[in-house]
PDB file of N, CA and C in Angstrom:
ATOM      1  N   MET A   1       0.073  -1.540  -9.280  1.00  0.00           N
ATOM      2  CA  MET A   1       0.232  -0.276  -9.947  1.00  0.00           C
ATOM      3  C   MET A   1       1.708   0.056 -10.141  1.00  0.00           C
ATOM      4  N   ALA A   2       2.517  -0.422  -9.223  1.00  0.00           N
ATOM      5  CA  ALA A   2       3.950  -0.137  -9.313  1.00  0.00           C
ATOM      6  C   ALA A   2       4.575  -0.746 -10.562  1.00  0.00           C
ATOM      7  N   ALA A   3       3.984  -1.808 -11.090  1.00  0.00           N
ATOM      8  CA  ALA A   3       4.516  -2.457 -12.294  1.00  0.00           C
ATOM      9  C   ALA A   3       3.755  -2.073 -13.547  1.00  0.00           C
ATOM     10  N   GLY A   4       2.726  -1.240 -13.421  1.00  0.00           N
ATOM     11  CA  GLY A   4       1.856  -0.923 -14.543  1.00  0.00           C
ATOM     12  C   GLY A   4       0.630  -1.813 -14.482  1.00  0.00           C
ATOM     13  N   VAL A   5      -0.474  -1.338 -15.033  1.00  0.00           N
ATOM     14  CA  VAL A   5      -1.736  -2.077 -14.987  1.00  0.00           C
ATOM     15  C   VAL A   5      -2.287  -2.185 -16.399  1.00  0.00           C
ATOM     16  N   LYS A   6      -2.697  -3.388 -16.782  1.00  0.00           N
ATOM     17  CA  LYS A   6      -3.303  -3.613 -18.094  1.00  0.00           C
ATOM     18  C   LYS A   6      -4.744  -3.125 -18.049  1.00  0.00           C
ATOM     19  N   LEU A   7      -5.071  -2.141 -18.877  1.00  0.00           N
ATOM     20  CA  LEU A   7      -6.427  -1.636 -19.016  1.00  0.00           C
ATOM     21  C   LEU A   7      -6.975  -2.096 -20.359  1.00  0.00           C
ATOM     22  N   SER A   8      -8.224  -1.816 -20.646  1.00  0.00           N
ATOM     23  CA  SER A   8      -8.828  -2.277 -21.893  1.00  0.00           C
ATOM     24  C   SER A   8      -8.151  -1.684 -23.129  1.00  0.00           C
ATOM     25  N   ASP A   9      -7.662  -0.450 -23.034  1.00  0.00           N
ATOM     26  CA  ASP A   9      -7.083   0.216 -24.201  1.00  0.00           C
ATOM     27  C   ASP A   9      -5.582   0.500 -24.086  1.00  0.00           C
ATOM     28  N   ALA A  10      -4.968   0.191 -22.959  1.00  0.00           N
ATOM     29  CA  ALA A  10      -3.546   0.503 -22.768  1.00  0.00           C
ATOM     30  C   ALA A  10      -3.028  -0.192 -21.519  1.00  0.00           C
ATOM     31  N   THR A  11      -1.713  -0.242 -21.414  1.00  0.00           N
ATOM     32  CA  THR A  11      -1.067  -0.650 -20.173  1.00  0.00           C
ATOM     33  C   THR A  11      -0.419   0.600 -19.612  1.00  0.00           C
ATOM     34  N   THR A  12      -0.688   0.890 -18.340  1.00  0.00           N
ATOM     35  CA  THR A  12      -0.159   2.110 -17.741  1.00  0.00           C
ATOM     36  C   THR A  12       1.338   1.980 -17.483  1.00  0.00           C
ATOM     37  N   ARG A  13       2.006   3.106 -17.449  1.00  0.00           N
ATOM     38  CA  ARG A  13       3.415   3.116 -17.054  1.00  0.00           C
ATOM     39  C   ARG A  13       3.494   2.783 -15.568  1.00  0.00           C
ATOM     40  N   PRO A  14       4.612   2.248 -15.129  1.00  0.00           N
ATOM     41  CA  PRO A  14       4.771   1.987 -13.697  1.00  0.00           C
ATOM     42  C   PRO A  14       4.603   3.271 -12.872  1.00  0.00           C
ATOM     43  N   CYS A  15       4.030   3.140 -11.699  1.00  0.00           N
ATOM     44  CA  CYS A  15       3.810   4.251 -10.766  1.00  0.00           C
ATOM     45  C   CYS A  15       4.557   3.971  -9.472  1.00  0.00           C
ATOM     46  N   LYS A  16       4.825   5.018  -8.725  1.00  0.00           N
ATOM     47  CA  LYS A  16       5.367   4.852  -7.368  1.00  0.00           C
ATOM     48  C   LYS A  16       4.186   4.891  -6.412  1.00  0.00           C
ATOM     49  N   VAL A  17       4.026   3.840  -5.620  1.00  0.00           N
ATOM     50  CA  VAL A  17       2.888   3.722  -4.722  1.00  0.00           C
ATOM     51  C   VAL A  17       3.395   3.507  -3.297  1.00  0.00           C
ATOM     52  N   HIS A  18       2.840   4.267  -2.352  1.00  0.00           N
ATOM     53  CA  HIS A  18       3.209   4.145  -0.941  1.00  0.00           C
ATOM     54  C   HIS A  18       1.940   4.052  -0.115  1.00  0.00           C
ATOM     55  N   LYS A  19       1.786   2.978   0.639  1.00  0.00           N
ATOM     56  CA  LYS A  19       0.628   2.815   1.512  1.00  0.00           C
ATOM     57  C   LYS A  19       0.779   3.753   2.707  1.00  0.00           C
ATOM     58  N   ILE A  20      -0.270   4.533   2.992  1.00  0.00           N
ATOM     59  CA  ILE A  20      -0.213   5.471   4.117  1.00  0.00           C
ATOM     60  C   ILE A  20      -1.294   5.178   5.154  1.00  0.00           C
ATOM     61  N   GLY A  21      -2.082   4.161   4.934  1.00  0.00           N
ATOM     62  CA  GLY A  21      -3.127   3.764   5.874  1.00  0.00           C
ATOM     63  C   GLY A  21      -3.770   2.480   5.386  1.00  0.00           C
ATOM     64  N   PRO A  22      -4.682   1.910   6.175  1.00  0.00           N
ATOM     65  CA  PRO A  22      -5.296   0.641   5.790  1.00  0.00           C
ATOM     66  C   PRO A  22      -6.028   0.712   4.450  1.00  0.00           C
ATOM     67  N   LYS A  23      -6.586   1.878   4.131  1.00  0.00           N
ATOM     68  CA  LYS A  23      -7.326   2.035   2.884  1.00  0.00           C
ATOM     69  C   LYS A  23      -6.893   3.272   2.110  1.00  0.00           C
ATOM     70  N   MET A  24      -5.643   3.724   2.350  1.00  0.00           N
ATOM     71  CA  MET A  24      -5.151   4.943   1.693  1.00  0.00           C
ATOM     72  C   MET A  24      -3.747   4.729   1.160  1.00  0.00           C
ATOM     73  N   PHE A  25      -3.451   5.396   0.029  1.00  0.00           N
ATOM     74  CA  PHE A  25      -2.098   5.347  -0.511  1.00  0.00           C
ATOM     75  C   PHE A  25      -1.798   6.618  -1.283  1.00  0.00           C
ATOM     76  N   ASP A  26      -0.512   6.911  -1.390  1.00  0.00           N
ATOM     77  CA  ASP A  26      -0.006   7.980  -2.253  1.00  0.00           C
ATOM     78  C   ASP A  26       0.434   7.329  -3.547  1.00  0.00           C
ATOM     79  N   ILE A  27       0.229   8.008  -4.649  1.00  0.00           N
ATOM     80  CA  ILE A  27       0.674   7.494  -5.939  1.00  0.00           C
ATOM     81  C   ILE A  27       1.320   8.629  -6.719  1.00  0.00           C
ATOM     82  N   VAL A  28       2.457   8.347  -7.343  1.00  0.00           N
ATOM     83  CA  VAL A  28       3.139   9.302  -8.206  1.00  0.00           C
ATOM     84  C   VAL A  28       3.119   8.703  -9.606  1.00  0.00           C
ATOM     85  N   MET A  29       2.469   9.424 -10.524  1.00  0.00           N
ATOM     86  CA  MET A  29       2.331   8.937 -11.896  1.00  0.00           C
ATOM     87  C   MET A  29       3.190   9.770 -12.838  1.00  0.00           C
ATOM     88  N   THR A  30       3.615   9.151 -13.934  1.00  0.00           N
ATOM     89  CA  THR A  30       4.363   9.866 -14.965  1.00  0.00           C
ATOM     90  C   THR A  30       3.555   9.918 -16.252  1.00  0.00           C
ATOM     91  N   GLN A  31       2.285   9.590 -16.152  1.00  0.00           N
ATOM     92  CA  GLN A  31       1.406   9.492 -17.297  1.00  0.00           C
ATOM     93  C   GLN A  31       0.045  10.002 -16.837  1.00  0.00           C
ATOM     94  N   GLY A  32      -0.765  10.488 -17.726  1.00  0.00           N
ATOM     95  CA  GLY A  32      -2.068  11.003 -17.319  1.00  0.00           C
ATOM     96  C   GLY A  32      -3.193  10.546 -18.218  1.00  0.00           C
ATOM     97  N   LEU A  33      -3.442   9.253 -18.263  1.00  0.00           N
ATOM     98  CA  LEU A  33      -4.564   8.755 -19.044  1.00  0.00           C
ATOM     99  C   LEU A  33      -5.876   9.216 -18.411  1.00  0.00           C
ATOM    100  N   ASN A  34      -6.920   9.279 -19.216  1.00  0.00           N
ATOM    101  CA  ASN A  34      -8.234   9.683 -18.727  1.00  0.00           C
ATOM    102  C   ASN A  34      -8.687   8.782 -17.584  1.00  0.00           C
ATOM    103  N   ARG A  35      -8.997   9.390 -16.438  1.00  0.00           N
ATOM    104  CA  ARG A  35      -9.475   8.679 -15.246  1.00  0.00           C
ATOM    105  C   ARG A  35      -8.553   7.523 -14.855  1.00  0.00           C
ATOM    106  N   GLN A  36      -7.253   7.722 -15.015  1.00  0.00           N
ATOM    107  CA  GLN A  36      -6.269   6.645 -14.857  1.00  0.00           C
ATOM    108  C   GLN A  36      -6.302   5.986 -13.480  1.00  0.00           C
ATOM    109  N   ILE A  37      -6.316   6.748 -12.415  1.00  0.00           N
ATOM    110  CA  ILE A  37      -6.285   6.139 -11.081  1.00  0.00           C
ATOM    111  C   ILE A  37      -7.546   5.316 -10.851  1.00  0.00           C
ATOM    112  N   ARG A  38      -8.688   5.867 -11.199  1.00  0.00           N
ATOM    113  CA  ARG A  38      -9.940   5.115 -11.033  1.00  0.00           C
ATOM    114  C   ARG A  38      -9.928   3.829 -11.861  1.00  0.00           C
ATOM    115  N   ARG A  39      -9.441   3.901 -13.079  1.00  0.00           N
ATOM    116  CA  ARG A  39      -9.412   2.726 -13.948  1.00  0.00           C
ATOM    117  C   ARG A  39      -8.418   1.674 -13.449  1.00  0.00           C
ATOM    118  N   MET A  40      -7.255   2.115 -12.960  1.00  0.00           N
ATOM    119  CA  MET A  40      -6.285   1.153 -12.420  1.00  0.00           C
ATOM    120  C   MET A  40      -6.860   0.454 -11.192  1.00  0.00           C
ATOM    121  N   CYS A  41      -7.467   1.233 -10.309  1.00  0.00           N
ATOM    122  CA  CYS A  41      -8.046   0.646  -9.095  1.00  0.00           C
ATOM    123  C   CYS A  41      -9.157  -0.340  -9.445  1.00  0.00           C
ATOM    124  N   GLU A  42     -10.005   0.022 -10.381  1.00  0.00           N
ATOM    125  CA  GLU A  42     -11.088  -0.879 -10.786  1.00  0.00           C
ATOM    126  C   GLU A  42     -10.531  -2.189 -11.344  1.00  0.00           C
ATOM    127  N   ALA A  43      -9.476  -2.103 -12.158  1.00  0.00           N
ATOM    128  CA  ALA A  43      -8.862  -3.300 -12.732  1.00  0.00           C
ATOM    129  C   ALA A  43      -8.279  -4.212 -11.656  1.00  0.00           C
ATOM    130  N   LEU A  44      -7.889  -3.629 -10.520  1.00  0.00           N
ATOM    131  CA  LEU A  44      -7.303  -4.402  -9.429  1.00  0.00           C
ATOM    132  C   LEU A  44      -8.315  -4.741  -8.333  1.00  0.00           C
ATOM    133  N   GLY A  45      -9.590  -4.389  -8.537  1.00  0.00           N
ATOM    134  CA  GLY A  45     -10.627  -4.749  -7.585  1.00  0.00           C
ATOM    135  C   GLY A  45     -10.825  -3.780  -6.436  1.00  0.00           C
ATOM    136  N   TYR A  46     -10.308  -2.559  -6.550  1.00  0.00           N
ATOM    137  CA  TYR A  46     -10.464  -1.556  -5.498  1.00  0.00           C
ATOM    138  C   TYR A  46     -11.533  -0.539  -5.892  1.00  0.00           C
ATOM    139  N   THR A  47     -12.165   0.079  -4.900  1.00  0.00           N
ATOM    140  CA  THR A  47     -13.133   1.143  -5.121  1.00  0.00           C
ATOM    141  C   THR A  47     -12.519   2.454  -4.662  1.00  0.00           C
ATOM    142  N   VAL A  48     -12.564   3.457  -5.509  1.00  0.00           N
ATOM    143  CA  VAL A  48     -12.047   4.787  -5.154  1.00  0.00           C
ATOM    144  C   VAL A  48     -13.171   5.583  -4.508  1.00  0.00           C
ATOM    145  N   VAL A  49     -12.922   6.053  -3.297  1.00  0.00           N
ATOM    146  CA  VAL A  49     -13.902   6.859  -2.574  1.00  0.00           C
ATOM    147  C   VAL A  49     -13.592   8.342  -2.755  1.00  0.00           C
ATOM    148  N   ALA A  50     -12.314   8.704  -2.718  1.00  0.00           N
ATOM    149  CA  ALA A  50     -11.914  10.104  -2.851  1.00  0.00           C
ATOM    150  C   ALA A  50     -10.510  10.174  -3.434  1.00  0.00           C
ATOM    151  N   LEU A  51     -10.267  11.219  -4.213  1.00  0.00           N
ATOM    152  CA  LEU A  51      -8.936  11.507  -4.760  1.00  0.00           C
ATOM    153  C   LEU A  51      -8.564  12.930  -4.389  1.00  0.00           C
ATOM    154  N   ARG A  52      -7.280  13.152  -4.156  1.00  0.00           N
ATOM    155  CA  ARG A  52      -6.800  14.506  -3.875  1.00  0.00           C
ATOM    156  C   ARG A  52      -5.476  14.689  -4.592  1.00  0.00           C
ATOM    157  N   ARG A  53      -5.438  15.626  -5.529  1.00  0.00           N
ATOM    158  CA  ARG A  53      -4.189  15.931  -6.235  1.00  0.00           C
ATOM    159  C   ARG A  53      -3.378  16.870  -5.366  1.00  0.00           C
ATOM    160  N   VAL A  54      -2.091  16.557  -5.159  1.00  0.00           N
ATOM    161  CA  VAL A  54      -1.262  17.401  -4.302  1.00  0.00           C
ATOM    162  C   VAL A  54      -0.216  18.181  -5.083  1.00  0.00           C
ATOM    163  N   ARG A  55       0.096  17.720  -6.296  1.00  0.00           N
ATOM    164  CA  ARG A  55       1.035  18.487  -7.114  1.00  0.00           C
ATOM    165  C   ARG A  55       0.857  18.121  -8.577  1.00  0.00           C
ATOM    166  N   ILE A  56       1.336  19.016  -9.418  1.00  0.00           N
ATOM    167  CA  ILE A  56       1.425  18.793 -10.850  1.00  0.00           C
ATOM    168  C   ILE A  56       2.856  19.102 -11.222  1.00  0.00           C
ATOM    169  N   MET A  57       3.567  18.097 -11.731  1.00  0.00           N
ATOM    170  CA  MET A  57       5.002  18.209 -11.983  1.00  0.00           C
ATOM    171  C   MET A  57       5.688  18.603 -10.669  1.00  0.00           C
ATOM    172  N   HIS A  58       6.378  19.732 -10.645  1.00  0.00           N
ATOM    173  CA  HIS A  58       7.097  20.176  -9.451  1.00  0.00           C
ATOM    174  C   HIS A  58       6.292  21.198  -8.644  1.00  0.00           C
ATOM    175  N   ILE A  59       5.075  21.497  -9.073  1.00  0.00           N
ATOM    176  CA  ILE A  59       4.279  22.554  -8.460  1.00  0.00           C
ATOM    177  C   ILE A  59       3.325  21.958  -7.423  1.00  0.00           C
ATOM    178  N   ARG A  60       3.564  22.285  -6.163  1.00  0.00           N
ATOM    179  CA  ARG A  60       2.704  21.805  -5.070  1.00  0.00           C
ATOM    180  C   ARG A  60       1.463  22.686  -4.991  1.00  0.00           C
ATOM    181  N   LEU A  61       0.311  22.056  -4.847  1.00  0.00           N
ATOM    182  CA  LEU A  61      -0.946  22.797  -4.828  1.00  0.00           C
ATOM    183  C   LEU A  61      -1.288  23.339  -3.455  1.00  0.00           C
ATOM    184  N   GLY A  62      -0.763  22.751  -2.392  1.00  0.00           N
ATOM    185  CA  GLY A  62      -1.035  23.230  -1.040  1.00  0.00           C
ATOM    186  C   GLY A  62      -2.514  23.151  -0.716  1.00  0.00           C
ATOM    187  N   GLU A  63      -3.051  24.180  -0.130  1.00  0.00           N
ATOM    188  CA  GLU A  63      -4.458  24.198   0.286  1.00  0.00           C
ATOM    189  C   GLU A  63      -5.340  24.930  -0.730  1.00  0.00           C
ATOM    190  N   LEU A  64      -4.976  24.881  -1.988  1.00  0.00           N
ATOM    191  CA  LEU A  64      -5.743  25.554  -3.032  1.00  0.00           C
ATOM    192  C   LEU A  64      -7.152  24.963  -3.096  1.00  0.00           C
ATOM    193  N   PRO A  65      -8.194  25.770  -2.885  1.00  0.00           N
ATOM    194  CA  PRO A  65      -9.565  25.243  -2.889  1.00  0.00           C
ATOM    195  C   PRO A  65      -9.962  24.727  -4.275  1.00  0.00           C
ATOM    196  N   LEU A  66     -10.908  23.815  -4.290  1.00  0.00           N
ATOM    197  CA  LEU A  66     -11.429  23.240  -5.516  1.00  0.00           C
ATOM    198  C   LEU A  66     -11.937  24.339  -6.446  1.00  0.00           C
ATOM    199  N   GLY A  67     -11.500  24.294  -7.700  1.00  0.00           N
ATOM    200  CA  GLY A  67     -11.951  25.259  -8.689  1.00  0.00           C
ATOM    201  C   GLY A  67     -11.227  26.592  -8.668  1.00  0.00           C
ATOM    202  N   ARG A  68     -10.264  26.763  -7.780  1.00  0.00           N
ATOM    203  CA  ARG A  68      -9.528  28.030  -7.669  1.00  0.00           C
ATOM    204  C   ARG A  68      -8.170  27.898  -8.337  1.00  0.00           C
ATOM    205  N   TRP A  69      -7.515  29.021  -8.570  1.00  0.00           N
ATOM    206  CA  TRP A  69      -6.190  29.039  -9.162  1.00  0.00           C
ATOM    207  C   TRP A  69      -5.360  30.085  -8.441  1.00  0.00           C
ATOM    208  N   ARG A  70      -4.061  30.047  -8.712  1.00  0.00           N
ATOM    209  CA  ARG A  70      -3.155  31.050  -8.144  1.00  0.00           C
ATOM    210  C   ARG A  70      -2.050  31.327  -9.152  1.00  0.00           C
ATOM    211  N   GLN A  71      -1.389  32.469  -8.988  1.00  0.00           N
ATOM    212  CA  GLN A  71      -0.246  32.807  -9.832  1.00  0.00           C
ATOM    213  C   GLN A  71       0.926  31.909  -9.443  1.00  0.00           C
ATOM    214  N   LEU A  72       1.716  31.495 -10.419  1.00  0.00           N
ATOM    215  CA  LEU A  72       2.923  30.727 -10.136  1.00  0.00           C
ATOM    216  C   LEU A  72       4.042  31.685  -9.741  1.00  0.00           C
ATOM    217  N   SER A  73       4.895  31.234  -8.851  1.00  0.00           N
ATOM    218  CA  SER A  73       6.050  32.034  -8.443  1.00  0.00           C
ATOM    219  C   SER A  73       7.120  31.944  -9.527  1.00  0.00           C
ATOM    220  N   PRO A  74       8.068  32.880  -9.540  1.00  0.00           N
ATOM    221  CA  PRO A  74       9.168  32.793 -10.505  1.00  0.00           C
ATOM    222  C   PRO A  74       9.939  31.470 -10.389  1.00  0.00           C
ATOM    223  N   GLN A  75      10.071  30.951  -9.164  1.00  0.00           N
ATOM    224  CA  GLN A  75      10.776  29.680  -8.960  1.00  0.00           C
ATOM    225  C   GLN A  75       9.994  28.507  -9.574  1.00  0.00           C
ATOM    226  N   GLU A  76       8.674  28.593  -9.608  1.00  0.00           N
ATOM    227  CA  GLU A  76       7.856  27.544 -10.214  1.00  0.00           C
ATOM    228  C   GLU A  76       7.860  27.650 -11.740  1.00  0.00           C
ATOM    229  N   ILE A  77       7.941  28.869 -12.253  1.00  0.00           N
ATOM    230  CA  ILE A  77       7.912  29.099 -13.698  1.00  0.00           C
ATOM    231  C   ILE A  77       9.233  28.717 -14.364  1.00  0.00           C
ATOM    232  N   ALA A  78      10.350  29.006 -13.714  1.00  0.00           N
ATOM    233  CA  ALA A  78      11.679  28.817 -14.310  1.00  0.00           C
ATOM    234  C   ALA A  78      11.885  27.437 -14.949  1.00  0.00           C
ATOM    235  N   PRO A  79      11.562  26.325 -14.277  1.00  0.00           N
ATOM    236  CA  PRO A  79      11.791  25.017 -14.894  1.00  0.00           C
ATOM    237  C   PRO A  79      10.886  24.744 -16.112  1.00  0.00           C
ATOM    238  N   LEU A  80       9.836  25.513 -16.281  1.00  0.00           N
ATOM    239  CA  LEU A  80       8.918  25.320 -17.398  1.00  0.00           C
ATOM    240  C   LEU A  80       9.385  26.019 -18.677  1.00  0.00           C
ATOM    241  N   LEU A  81      10.284  26.974 -18.534  1.00  0.00           N
ATOM    242  CA  LEU A  81      10.754  27.744 -19.683  1.00  0.00           C
ATOM    243  C   LEU A  81      11.885  27.023 -20.408  1.00  0.00           C
ATOM    244  N   PRO A  82      11.952  27.196 -21.740  1.00  0.00           N
ATOM    245  CA  PRO A  82      13.070  26.565 -22.468  1.00  0.00           C
ATOM    246  C   PRO A  82      14.398  27.186 -22.058  1.00  0.00           C
ATOM    247  N   LYS A  83      15.412  26.377 -22.079  1.00  0.00           N
ATOM    248  CA  LYS A  83      16.765  26.861 -21.734  1.00  0.00           C
ATOM    249  C   LYS A  83      17.253  27.778 -22.856  1.00  0.00           C
ATOM    250  N   ARG A  84      17.822  28.926 -22.470  1.00  0.00           N
ATOM    251  CA  ARG A  84      18.358  29.852 -23.457  1.00  0.00           C
ATOM    252  C   ARG A  84      19.787  29.475 -23.799  1.00  0.00           C
ATOM    253  N   LYS A  85      20.105  29.530 -25.089  1.00  0.00           N
ATOM    254  CA  LYS A  85      21.486  29.270 -25.532  1.00  0.00           C
ATOM    255  C   LYS A  85      22.217  30.591 -25.643  1.00  0.00           C
ATOM    256  N   HIS A  86      23.462  30.594 -25.209  1.00  0.00           N
ATOM    257  CA  HIS A  86      24.268  31.831 -25.251  1.00  0.00           C
ATOM    258  C   HIS A  86      25.202  31.795 -26.422  1.00  0.00           C
TER     259      HIS A  86
END
């Protein structure tokens, strides 16, 4: 996955992958193809049992329950806004 994975319709961009246990790893992606992690794992012969998203861009999700949302803080919103020209 670190070098990209050839799928039936695309080759994924390289990902940062860190093994955190015998059957667990963290992955940082810069691309979001449909079901990308599951498809990459399948192409490499792995079975995905569970996935947990921990952040989107710079926004950490923390313990946000499934299906819930929260307001973004001003510090989280600032990088999303276009830079103002003076």
